[in-house]
Amino acid sequence: MPLFPDAARQFRQMDRFSCGNTGFHRLDARIKIGAFLVFQICVLSWPPQEITGLLPFFLFPVCVIRMAGLPLGYLLKRTLWLLPVAVMIGIFNPLVDRTPAGEWFGIPVTQGIISFISIILRCMLTILGAFTLLASTGFAPLCRGLRQLGAPRILITLLAFLYRYAFILMDEFQNMLMAFRSRRGGSGSVPLSTWGAMTGQLLLRTFGRAERIYQAVLCRGGEDPEFVSAPGVITMRGVAGGILFCALVILFRCFNVTMLAGQCARSLLS
């Protein structure tokens, strides 16, 4: 199977997950967006020279995934796909910062290695949180929530078109690949010499189809009804859950829960 059609299938799978009927799915998108922003700020603001305090933050996306009935293995696998990006960001930290920071199981560790591991953990938490929010809410409700929170209209429109045109690009690539293989009478790979011409044709076909879609949107009023702001329903139970979530995240940010738990366990055992 080609890469792009499989990516399109995985991309659409995230939208299917958002069609659940759990209490977390029914929660207003604005509450989930606010809680997600607080979670991301607390994770990204964590000191780069501390690792143990980041580990308890994984409880939050895992608990949300379980509450929403989402497949944990699926989301973790998609998160690991983007892990090389985090590796490329911090791969030079161990080479630049060689300040000794102690030993782990008899192995000397530098500040650069600790900051490198911290970057990987923070990227994993950020990506897993974003995937969890998308899989439990859906793209259209997220756009409506951002619109109701006061996000600029042009930003919502750009996000909507970017999201939809990604599917167009994948579909056009699949059609071109099918046509290429039909003319060759087989299912072999595309020669490297043909990729340049195929890429140019792919962009032209995608732009042409996107222009036709845009003209159709203008003909029906210039606004996509799927992303029109709709009156959301914010319940007191949802607000209380969001406040509790944010309070726990801020508590984990202010205190190193792992270190405090270790100290308590050591005092009980001694």
C-alpha atoms as a PDB file:
ATOM      1  CA  MET A   1       0.000   0.000   0.000  1.00  0.00           C
ATOM      2  CA  PRO A   2       1.331   3.461  -0.791  1.00  0.00           C
ATOM      3  CA  LEU A   3       2.259   5.799   1.974  1.00  0.00           C
ATOM      4  CA  PHE A   4      -0.128   8.697   1.282  1.00  0.00           C
ATOM      5  CA  PRO A   5      -3.363   6.689   1.041  1.00  0.00           C
ATOM      6  CA  ASP A   6      -2.458   4.975   4.298  1.00  0.00           C
ATOM      7  CA  ALA A   7      -1.760   8.386   5.852  1.00  0.00           C
ATOM      8  CA  ALA A   8      -5.149   9.590   4.625  1.00  0.00           C
ATOM      9  CA  ARG A   9      -6.811   6.568   6.197  1.00  0.00           C
ATOM     10  CA  GLN A  10      -5.071   7.223   9.525  1.00  0.00           C
ATOM     11  CA  PHE A  11      -5.965  10.910   9.291  1.00  0.00           C
ATOM     12  CA  ARG A  12      -9.651  10.132   8.847  1.00  0.00           C
ATOM     13  CA  GLN A  13      -9.506   7.597  11.659  1.00  0.00           C
ATOM     14  CA  MET A  14      -8.934  10.442  14.135  1.00  0.00           C
ATOM     15  CA  ASP A  15     -12.249  11.974  13.061  1.00  0.00           C
ATOM     16  CA  ARG A  16     -14.029   8.654  13.554  1.00  0.00           C
ATOM     17  CA  PHE A  17     -12.807   8.508  17.141  1.00  0.00           C
ATOM     18  CA  SER A  18     -14.441  11.890  17.803  1.00  0.00           C
ATOM     19  CA  CYS A  19     -17.904  10.428  17.081  1.00  0.00           C
ATOM     20  CA  GLY A  20     -18.053   8.671  20.455  1.00  0.00           C
ATOM     21  CA  ASN A  21     -20.834   9.187  22.976  1.00  0.00           C
ATOM     22  CA  THR A  22     -18.902   9.312  26.240  1.00  0.00           C
ATOM     23  CA  GLY A  23     -19.152  12.109  28.756  1.00  0.00           C
ATOM     24  CA  PHE A  24     -15.805  13.483  27.647  1.00  0.00           C
ATOM     25  CA  HIS A  25     -16.946  13.576  24.017  1.00  0.00           C
ATOM     26  CA  ARG A  26     -20.034  15.559  25.004  1.00  0.00           C
ATOM     27  CA  LEU A  27     -17.973  18.068  26.969  1.00  0.00           C
ATOM     28  CA  ASP A  28     -17.957  21.528  25.399  1.00  0.00           C
ATOM     29  CA  ALA A  29     -14.969  22.122  23.149  1.00  0.00           C
ATOM     30  CA  ARG A  30     -14.107  25.421  24.855  1.00  0.00           C
ATOM     31  CA  ILE A  31     -13.536  23.673  28.183  1.00  0.00           C
ATOM     32  CA  LYS A  32     -11.294  21.082  26.550  1.00  0.00           C
ATOM     33  CA  ILE A  33      -9.331  23.733  24.667  1.00  0.00           C
ATOM     34  CA  GLY A  34      -8.747  25.732  27.865  1.00  0.00           C
ATOM     35  CA  ALA A  35      -7.635  22.654  29.789  1.00  0.00           C
ATOM     36  CA  PHE A  36      -5.376  21.648  26.895  1.00  0.00           C
ATOM     37  CA  LEU A  37      -3.705  25.075  26.829  1.00  0.00           C
ATOM     38  CA  VAL A  38      -3.074  24.970  30.587  1.00  0.00           C
ATOM     39  CA  PHE A  39      -1.600  21.472  30.230  1.00  0.00           C
ATOM     40  CA  GLN A  40       0.690  22.539  27.372  1.00  0.00           C
ATOM     41  CA  ILE A  41       1.894  25.672  29.185  1.00  0.00           C
ATOM     42  CA  CYS A  42       2.742  23.697  32.326  1.00  0.00           C
ATOM     43  CA  VAL A  43       4.577  21.012  30.349  1.00  0.00           C
ATOM     44  CA  LEU A  44       6.548  23.383  28.116  1.00  0.00           C
ATOM     45  CA  SER A  45       7.502  25.651  31.023  1.00  0.00           C
ATOM     46  CA  TRP A  46       9.003  22.777  33.013  1.00  0.00           C
ATOM     47  CA  PRO A  47      12.735  23.325  33.780  1.00  0.00           C
ATOM     48  CA  PRO A  48      14.867  21.517  31.174  1.00  0.00           C
ATOM     49  CA  GLN A  49      17.243  20.124  33.801  1.00  0.00           C
ATOM     50  CA  GLU A  50      14.551  18.112  35.620  1.00  0.00           C
ATOM     51  CA  ILE A  51      13.132  14.874  34.234  1.00  0.00           C
ATOM     52  CA  THR A  52      11.393  13.043  37.059  1.00  0.00           C
ATOM     53  CA  GLY A  53       8.783  15.776  37.483  1.00  0.00           C
ATOM     54  CA  LEU A  54       7.609  15.320  33.877  1.00  0.00           C
ATOM     55  CA  LEU A  55       6.681  11.658  34.269  1.00  0.00           C
ATOM     56  CA  PRO A  56       3.462  12.228  36.312  1.00  0.00           C
ATOM     57  CA  PHE A  57       2.134  14.467  33.513  1.00  0.00           C
ATOM     58  CA  PHE A  58       1.583  11.334  31.407  1.00  0.00           C
ATOM     59  CA  LEU A  59      -1.244  10.440  33.790  1.00  0.00           C
ATOM     60  CA  PHE A  60      -3.417  13.227  32.387  1.00  0.00           C
ATOM     61  CA  PRO A  61      -3.580  12.190  28.692  1.00  0.00           C
ATOM     62  CA  VAL A  62      -3.741   8.506  29.649  1.00  0.00           C
ATOM     63  CA  CYS A  63      -6.686   9.106  31.997  1.00  0.00           C
ATOM     64  CA  VAL A  64      -8.477  11.226  29.384  1.00  0.00           C
ATOM     65  CA  ILE A  65      -7.917   8.515  26.760  1.00  0.00           C
ATOM     66  CA  ARG A  66      -9.430   5.926  29.076  1.00  0.00           C
ATOM     67  CA  MET A  67     -12.377   8.177  29.972  1.00  0.00           C
ATOM     68  CA  ALA A  68     -13.111   8.835  26.290  1.00  0.00           C
ATOM     69  CA  GLY A  69     -12.730   5.172  25.324  1.00  0.00           C
ATOM     70  CA  LEU A  70      -9.932   5.913  22.837  1.00  0.00           C
ATOM     71  CA  PRO A  71      -7.333   3.310  21.820  1.00  0.00           C
ATOM     72  CA  LEU A  72      -4.242   4.105  23.877  1.00  0.00           C
ATOM     73  CA  GLY A  73      -1.923   1.973  21.745  1.00  0.00           C
ATOM     74  CA  TYR A  74      -3.047   3.672  18.538  1.00  0.00           C
ATOM     75  CA  LEU A  75      -2.395   7.186  19.858  1.00  0.00           C
ATOM     76  CA  LEU A  76       0.939   6.215  21.391  1.00  0.00           C
ATOM     77  CA  LYS A  77       2.039   4.701  18.093  1.00  0.00           C
ATOM     78  CA  ARG A  78       1.149   7.896  16.225  1.00  0.00           C
ATOM     79  CA  THR A  79       3.032   9.891  18.846  1.00  0.00           C
ATOM     80  CA  LEU A  80       6.153   7.765  18.367  1.00  0.00           C
ATOM     81  CA  TRP A  81       5.999   8.441  14.630  1.00  0.00           C
ATOM     82  CA  LEU A  82       6.787  12.103  15.349  1.00  0.00           C
ATOM     83  CA  LEU A  83       9.488  11.298  17.908  1.00  0.00           C
ATOM     84  CA  PRO A  84      12.345  11.762  15.363  1.00  0.00           C
ATOM     85  CA  VAL A  85      11.397  15.452  15.212  1.00  0.00           C
ATOM     86  CA  ALA A  86      12.135  15.798  18.934  1.00  0.00           C
ATOM     87  CA  VAL A  87      15.356  13.839  18.496  1.00  0.00           C
ATOM     88  CA  MET A  88      16.526  16.207  15.765  1.00  0.00           C
ATOM     89  CA  ILE A  89      15.723  19.226  17.955  1.00  0.00           C
ATOM     90  CA  GLY A  90      17.870  18.162  20.908  1.00  0.00           C
ATOM     91  CA  ILE A  91      20.396  15.771  19.391  1.00  0.00           C
ATOM     92  CA  PHE A  92      23.244  18.264  19.758  1.00  0.00           C
ATOM     93  CA  ASN A  93      22.548  19.109  23.420  1.00  0.00           C
ATOM     94  CA  PRO A  94      24.789  16.305  24.786  1.00  0.00           C
ATOM     95  CA  LEU A  95      27.623  17.557  22.580  1.00  0.00           C
ATOM     96  CA  VAL A  96      27.260  21.227  23.477  1.00  0.00           C
ATOM     97  CA  ASP A  97      26.582  21.019  27.227  1.00  0.00           C
ATOM     98  CA  ARG A  98      28.997  18.568  28.890  1.00  0.00           C
ATOM     99  CA  THR A  99      28.614  19.860  32.442  1.00  0.00           C
ATOM    100  CA  PRO A 100      28.605  16.867  34.841  1.00  0.00           C
ATOM    101  CA  ALA A 101      25.231  16.309  36.495  1.00  0.00           C
ATOM    102  CA  GLY A 102      25.870  13.155  38.517  1.00  0.00           C
ATOM    103  CA  GLU A 103      25.608   9.458  37.823  1.00  0.00           C
ATOM    104  CA  TRP A 104      22.766   7.122  36.864  1.00  0.00           C
ATOM    105  CA  PHE A 105      23.436   3.538  37.907  1.00  0.00           C
ATOM    106  CA  GLY A 106      27.147   4.232  37.857  1.00  0.00           C
ATOM    107  CA  ILE A 107      27.090   5.933  34.436  1.00  0.00           C
ATOM    108  CA  PRO A 108      28.186   9.609  34.340  1.00  0.00           C
ATOM    109  CA  VAL A 109      25.457  11.930  33.055  1.00  0.00           C
ATOM    110  CA  THR A 110      25.851  15.474  31.732  1.00  0.00           C
ATOM    111  CA  GLN A 111      23.427  18.387  31.707  1.00  0.00           C
ATOM    112  CA  GLY A 112      23.169  18.040  27.924  1.00  0.00           C
ATOM    113  CA  ILE A 113      21.887  14.462  28.180  1.00  0.00           C
ATOM    114  CA  ILE A 114      19.300  15.481  30.783  1.00  0.00           C
ATOM    115  CA  SER A 115      18.048  18.387  28.657  1.00  0.00           C
ATOM    116  CA  PHE A 116      17.917  16.072  25.612  1.00  0.00           C
ATOM    117  CA  ILE A 117      15.709  13.568  27.462  1.00  0.00           C
ATOM    118  CA  SER A 118      13.589  16.454  28.780  1.00  0.00           C
ATOM    119  CA  ILE A 119      12.972  17.706  25.222  1.00  0.00           C
ATOM    120  CA  ILE A 120      11.868  14.237  24.110  1.00  0.00           C
ATOM    121  CA  LEU A 121       9.477  13.850  27.057  1.00  0.00           C
ATOM    122  CA  ARG A 122       7.965  17.301  26.589  1.00  0.00           C
ATOM    123  CA  CYS A 123       7.477  16.731  22.858  1.00  0.00           C
ATOM    124  CA  MET A 124       5.798  13.386  23.543  1.00  0.00           C
ATOM    125  CA  LEU A 125       3.458  14.968  26.089  1.00  0.00           C
ATOM    126  CA  THR A 126       2.616  17.836  23.728  1.00  0.00           C
ATOM    127  CA  ILE A 127       1.919  15.593  20.735  1.00  0.00           C
ATOM    128  CA  LEU A 128      -0.021  13.026  22.773  1.00  0.00           C
ATOM    129  CA  GLY A 129      -2.131  15.800  24.291  1.00  0.00           C
ATOM    130  CA  ALA A 130      -2.877  17.267  20.853  1.00  0.00           C
ATOM    131  CA  PHE A 131      -3.837  13.866  19.421  1.00  0.00           C
ATOM    132  CA  THR A 132      -6.046  13.181  22.428  1.00  0.00           C
ATOM    133  CA  LEU A 133      -7.817  16.529  22.028  1.00  0.00           C
ATOM    134  CA  LEU A 134      -8.378  15.971  18.295  1.00  0.00           C
ATOM    135  CA  ALA A 135      -9.529  12.360  18.678  1.00  0.00           C
ATOM    136  CA  SER A 136     -11.969  13.186  21.474  1.00  0.00           C
ATOM    137  CA  THR A 137     -13.382  16.398  19.988  1.00  0.00           C
ATOM    138  CA  GLY A 138     -13.098  16.454  16.205  1.00  0.00           C
ATOM    139  CA  PHE A 139     -11.735  19.178  13.972  1.00  0.00           C
ATOM    140  CA  ALA A 140     -15.011  21.008  13.280  1.00  0.00           C
ATOM    141  CA  PRO A 141     -15.980  21.347  16.985  1.00  0.00           C
ATOM    142  CA  LEU A 142     -12.438  22.546  17.714  1.00  0.00           C
ATOM    143  CA  CYS A 143     -12.793  25.265  15.079  1.00  0.00           C
ATOM    144  CA  ARG A 144     -16.163  26.293  16.521  1.00  0.00           C
ATOM    145  CA  GLY A 145     -14.693  26.350  20.029  1.00  0.00           C
ATOM    146  CA  LEU A 146     -11.782  28.518  18.937  1.00  0.00           C
ATOM    147  CA  ARG A 147     -14.198  30.840  17.152  1.00  0.00           C
ATOM    148  CA  GLN A 148     -16.330  31.199  20.265  1.00  0.00           C
ATOM    149  CA  LEU A 149     -13.227  31.857  22.363  1.00  0.00           C
ATOM    150  CA  GLY A 150     -12.438  34.856  20.179  1.00  0.00           C
ATOM    151  CA  ALA A 151      -9.864  33.457  17.759  1.00  0.00           C
ATOM    152  CA  PRO A 152      -9.550  35.552  14.560  1.00  0.00           C
ATOM    153  CA  ARG A 153     -11.954  34.529  11.827  1.00  0.00           C
ATOM    154  CA  ILE A 154      -9.176  34.395   9.223  1.00  0.00           C
ATOM    155  CA  LEU A 155      -7.230  31.952  11.397  1.00  0.00           C
ATOM    156  CA  ILE A 156     -10.200  29.579  11.661  1.00  0.00           C
ATOM    157  CA  THR A 157     -10.751  29.778   7.905  1.00  0.00           C
ATOM    158  CA  LEU A 158      -7.099  28.998   7.181  1.00  0.00           C
ATOM    159  CA  LEU A 159      -7.139  26.044   9.552  1.00  0.00           C
ATOM    160  CA  ALA A 160     -10.310  24.695   7.949  1.00  0.00           C
ATOM    161  CA  PHE A 161      -8.946  24.987   4.413  1.00  0.00           C
ATOM    162  CA  LEU A 162      -5.567  23.540   5.408  1.00  0.00           C
ATOM    163  CA  TYR A 163      -7.270  20.565   7.018  1.00  0.00           C
ATOM    164  CA  ARG A 164      -9.476  19.885   4.018  1.00  0.00           C
ATOM    165  CA  TYR A 165      -6.846  20.473   1.350  1.00  0.00           C
ATOM    166  CA  ALA A 166      -4.605  17.906   3.041  1.00  0.00           C
ATOM    167  CA  PHE A 167      -7.223  15.308   2.122  1.00  0.00           C
ATOM    168  CA  ILE A 168      -7.390  16.691  -1.411  1.00  0.00           C
ATOM    169  CA  LEU A 169      -3.624  16.371  -1.787  1.00  0.00           C
ATOM    170  CA  MET A 170      -3.707  12.772  -0.582  1.00  0.00           C
ATOM    171  CA  ASP A 171      -6.653  11.858  -2.816  1.00  0.00           C
ATOM    172  CA  GLU A 172      -5.049  13.405  -5.902  1.00  0.00           C
ATOM    173  CA  PHE A 173      -1.800  11.568  -5.213  1.00  0.00           C
ATOM    174  CA  GLN A 174      -3.694   8.299  -4.904  1.00  0.00           C
ATOM    175  CA  ASN A 175      -5.462   8.921  -8.229  1.00  0.00           C
ATOM    176  CA  MET A 176      -2.200   9.773  -9.989  1.00  0.00           C
ATOM    177  CA  LEU A 177      -0.460   6.729  -8.561  1.00  0.00           C
ATOM    178  CA  MET A 178      -3.326   4.478  -9.645  1.00  0.00           C
ATOM    179  CA  ALA A 179      -3.246   5.948 -13.150  1.00  0.00           C
ATOM    180  CA  PHE A 180       0.536   5.521 -13.380  1.00  0.00           C
ATOM    181  CA  ARG A 181       0.391   1.881 -12.340  1.00  0.00           C
ATOM    182  CA  SER A 182      -2.530   1.171 -14.677  1.00  0.00           C
ATOM    183  CA  ARG A 183      -0.544   2.440 -17.658  1.00  0.00           C
ATOM    184  CA  ARG A 184       2.487   0.367 -16.670  1.00  0.00           C
ATOM    185  CA  GLY A 185       0.372  -2.733 -16.184  1.00  0.00           C
ATOM    186  CA  GLY A 186       1.721  -3.504 -12.738  1.00  0.00           C
ATOM    187  CA  SER A 187       2.138  -2.325  -9.160  1.00  0.00           C
ATOM    188  CA  GLY A 188       5.829  -1.469  -9.199  1.00  0.00           C
ATOM    189  CA  SER A 189       7.325   1.568  -7.547  1.00  0.00           C
ATOM    190  CA  VAL A 190       7.527   4.931  -9.289  1.00  0.00           C
ATOM    191  CA  PRO A 191      10.967   5.561 -10.846  1.00  0.00           C
ATOM    192  CA  LEU A 192      12.981   8.348  -9.309  1.00  0.00           C
ATOM    193  CA  SER A 193      13.168  10.165 -12.663  1.00  0.00           C
ATOM    194  CA  THR A 194       9.356  10.447 -12.743  1.00  0.00           C
ATOM    195  CA  TRP A 195       8.904  11.963  -9.285  1.00  0.00           C
ATOM    196  CA  GLY A 196       9.726  15.507 -10.430  1.00  0.00           C
ATOM    197  CA  ALA A 197       7.024  15.586 -13.094  1.00  0.00           C
ATOM    198  CA  MET A 198       4.524  13.835 -10.806  1.00  0.00           C
ATOM    199  CA  THR A 199       5.127  16.370  -8.039  1.00  0.00           C
ATOM    200  CA  GLY A 200       4.468  19.282 -10.381  1.00  0.00           C
ATOM    201  CA  GLN A 201       1.324  17.677 -11.756  1.00  0.00           C
ATOM    202  CA  LEU A 202       0.171  16.841  -8.232  1.00  0.00           C
ATOM    203  CA  LEU A 203       0.429  20.470  -7.135  1.00  0.00           C
ATOM    204  CA  LEU A 204      -1.372  21.719 -10.249  1.00  0.00           C
ATOM    205  CA  ARG A 205      -4.187  19.179  -9.877  1.00  0.00           C
ATOM    206  CA  THR A 206      -4.526  19.958  -6.162  1.00  0.00           C
ATOM    207  CA  PHE A 207      -4.663  23.718  -6.751  1.00  0.00           C
ATOM    208  CA  GLY A 208      -7.222  23.260  -9.520  1.00  0.00           C
ATOM    209  CA  ARG A 209      -9.494  21.090  -7.422  1.00  0.00           C
ATOM    210  CA  ALA A 210      -9.114  23.389  -4.408  1.00  0.00           C
ATOM    211  CA  GLU A 211     -10.086  26.366  -6.568  1.00  0.00           C
ATOM    212  CA  ARG A 212     -13.234  24.576  -7.721  1.00  0.00           C
ATOM    213  CA  ILE A 213     -14.137  23.795  -4.106  1.00  0.00           C
ATOM    214  CA  TYR A 214     -13.534  27.418  -3.120  1.00  0.00           C
ATOM    215  CA  GLN A 215     -15.783  28.658  -5.922  1.00  0.00           C
ATOM    216  CA  ALA A 216     -18.494  26.255  -4.778  1.00  0.00           C
ATOM    217  CA  VAL A 217     -18.195  27.631  -1.237  1.00  0.00           C
ATOM    218  CA  LEU A 218     -18.558  31.187  -2.552  1.00  0.00           C
ATOM    219  CA  CYS A 219     -21.648  30.197  -4.552  1.00  0.00           C
ATOM    220  CA  ARG A 220     -23.429  29.046  -1.417  1.00  0.00           C
ATOM    221  CA  GLY A 221     -22.747  32.176   0.587  1.00  0.00           C
ATOM    222  CA  GLY A 222     -19.007  32.293   1.174  1.00  0.00           C
ATOM    223  CA  GLU A 223     -19.037  30.487   4.497  1.00  0.00           C
ATOM    224  CA  ASP A 224     -18.806  26.801   5.245  1.00  0.00           C
ATOM    225  CA  PRO A 225     -21.777  25.889   7.469  1.00  0.00           C
ATOM    226  CA  GLU A 226     -19.720  23.174   9.155  1.00  0.00           C
ATOM    227  CA  PHE A 227     -17.547  25.807  10.812  1.00  0.00           C
ATOM    228  CA  VAL A 228     -20.189  28.437  11.599  1.00  0.00           C
ATOM    229  CA  SER A 229     -20.241  29.325  15.263  1.00  0.00           C
ATOM    230  CA  ALA A 230     -23.014  27.418  17.012  1.00  0.00           C
ATOM    231  CA  PRO A 231     -24.233  28.112  20.537  1.00  0.00           C
ATOM    232  CA  GLY A 232     -22.307  25.739  22.788  1.00  0.00           C
ATOM    233  CA  VAL A 233     -23.653  24.217  25.970  1.00  0.00           C
ATOM    234  CA  ILE A 234     -21.369  24.671  28.988  1.00  0.00           C
ATOM    235  CA  THR A 235     -22.591  22.763  32.021  1.00  0.00           C
ATOM    236  CA  MET A 236     -21.541  23.313  35.617  1.00  0.00           C
ATOM    237  CA  ARG A 237     -20.316  19.735  35.770  1.00  0.00           C
ATOM    238  CA  GLY A 238     -18.090  20.333  32.773  1.00  0.00           C
ATOM    239  CA  VAL A 239     -16.737  23.571  34.235  1.00  0.00           C
ATOM    240  CA  ALA A 240     -16.005  21.833  37.548  1.00  0.00           C
ATOM    241  CA  GLY A 241     -14.184  19.031  35.740  1.00  0.00           C
ATOM    242  CA  GLY A 242     -12.137  21.513  33.732  1.00  0.00           C
ATOM    243  CA  ILE A 243     -11.206  23.500  36.839  1.00  0.00           C
ATOM    244  CA  LEU A 244     -10.198  20.317  38.676  1.00  0.00           C
ATOM    245  CA  PHE A 245      -8.059  19.227  35.725  1.00  0.00           C
ATOM    246  CA  CYS A 246      -6.318  22.620  35.527  1.00  0.00           C
ATOM    247  CA  ALA A 247      -5.769  22.690  39.302  1.00  0.00           C
ATOM    248  CA  LEU A 248      -4.107  19.270  39.262  1.00  0.00           C
ATOM    249  CA  VAL A 249      -1.922  20.217  36.296  1.00  0.00           C
ATOM    250  CA  ILE A 250      -0.808  23.439  37.991  1.00  0.00           C
ATOM    251  CA  LEU A 251      -0.143  21.491  41.206  1.00  0.00           C
ATOM    252  CA  PHE A 252       2.058  19.047  39.298  1.00  0.00           C
ATOM    253  CA  ARG A 253       3.858  22.008  37.735  1.00  0.00           C
ATOM    254  CA  CYS A 254       4.534  23.742  41.053  1.00  0.00           C
ATOM    255  CA  PHE A 255       5.708  20.619  42.884  1.00  0.00           C
ATOM    256  CA  ASN A 256       7.834  17.689  41.778  1.00  0.00           C
ATOM    257  CA  VAL A 257       5.322  14.985  42.652  1.00  0.00           C
ATOM    258  CA  THR A 258       7.736  12.157  41.864  1.00  0.00           C
ATOM    259  CA  MET A 259      10.362  13.506  44.245  1.00  0.00           C
ATOM    260  CA  LEU A 260       7.800  14.137  46.993  1.00  0.00           C
ATOM    261  CA  ALA A 261       6.432  10.597  46.608  1.00  0.00           C
ATOM    262  CA  GLY A 262       9.966   9.186  46.836  1.00  0.00           C
ATOM    263  CA  GLN A 263      10.699  11.181  49.975  1.00  0.00           C
ATOM    264  CA  CYS A 264       7.451  10.029  51.593  1.00  0.00           C
ATOM    265  CA  ALA A 265       8.162   6.410  50.728  1.00  0.00           C
ATOM    266  CA  ARG A 266      11.699   6.683  52.087  1.00  0.00           C
ATOM    267  CA  SER A 267      10.462   8.222  55.359  1.00  0.00           C
ATOM    268  CA  LEU A 268       7.876   5.443  55.769  1.00  0.00           C
ATOM    269  CA  LEU A 269      10.421   2.698  55.137  1.00  0.00           C
ATOM    270  CA  SER A 270      13.078   4.141  57.404  1.00  0.00           C
END
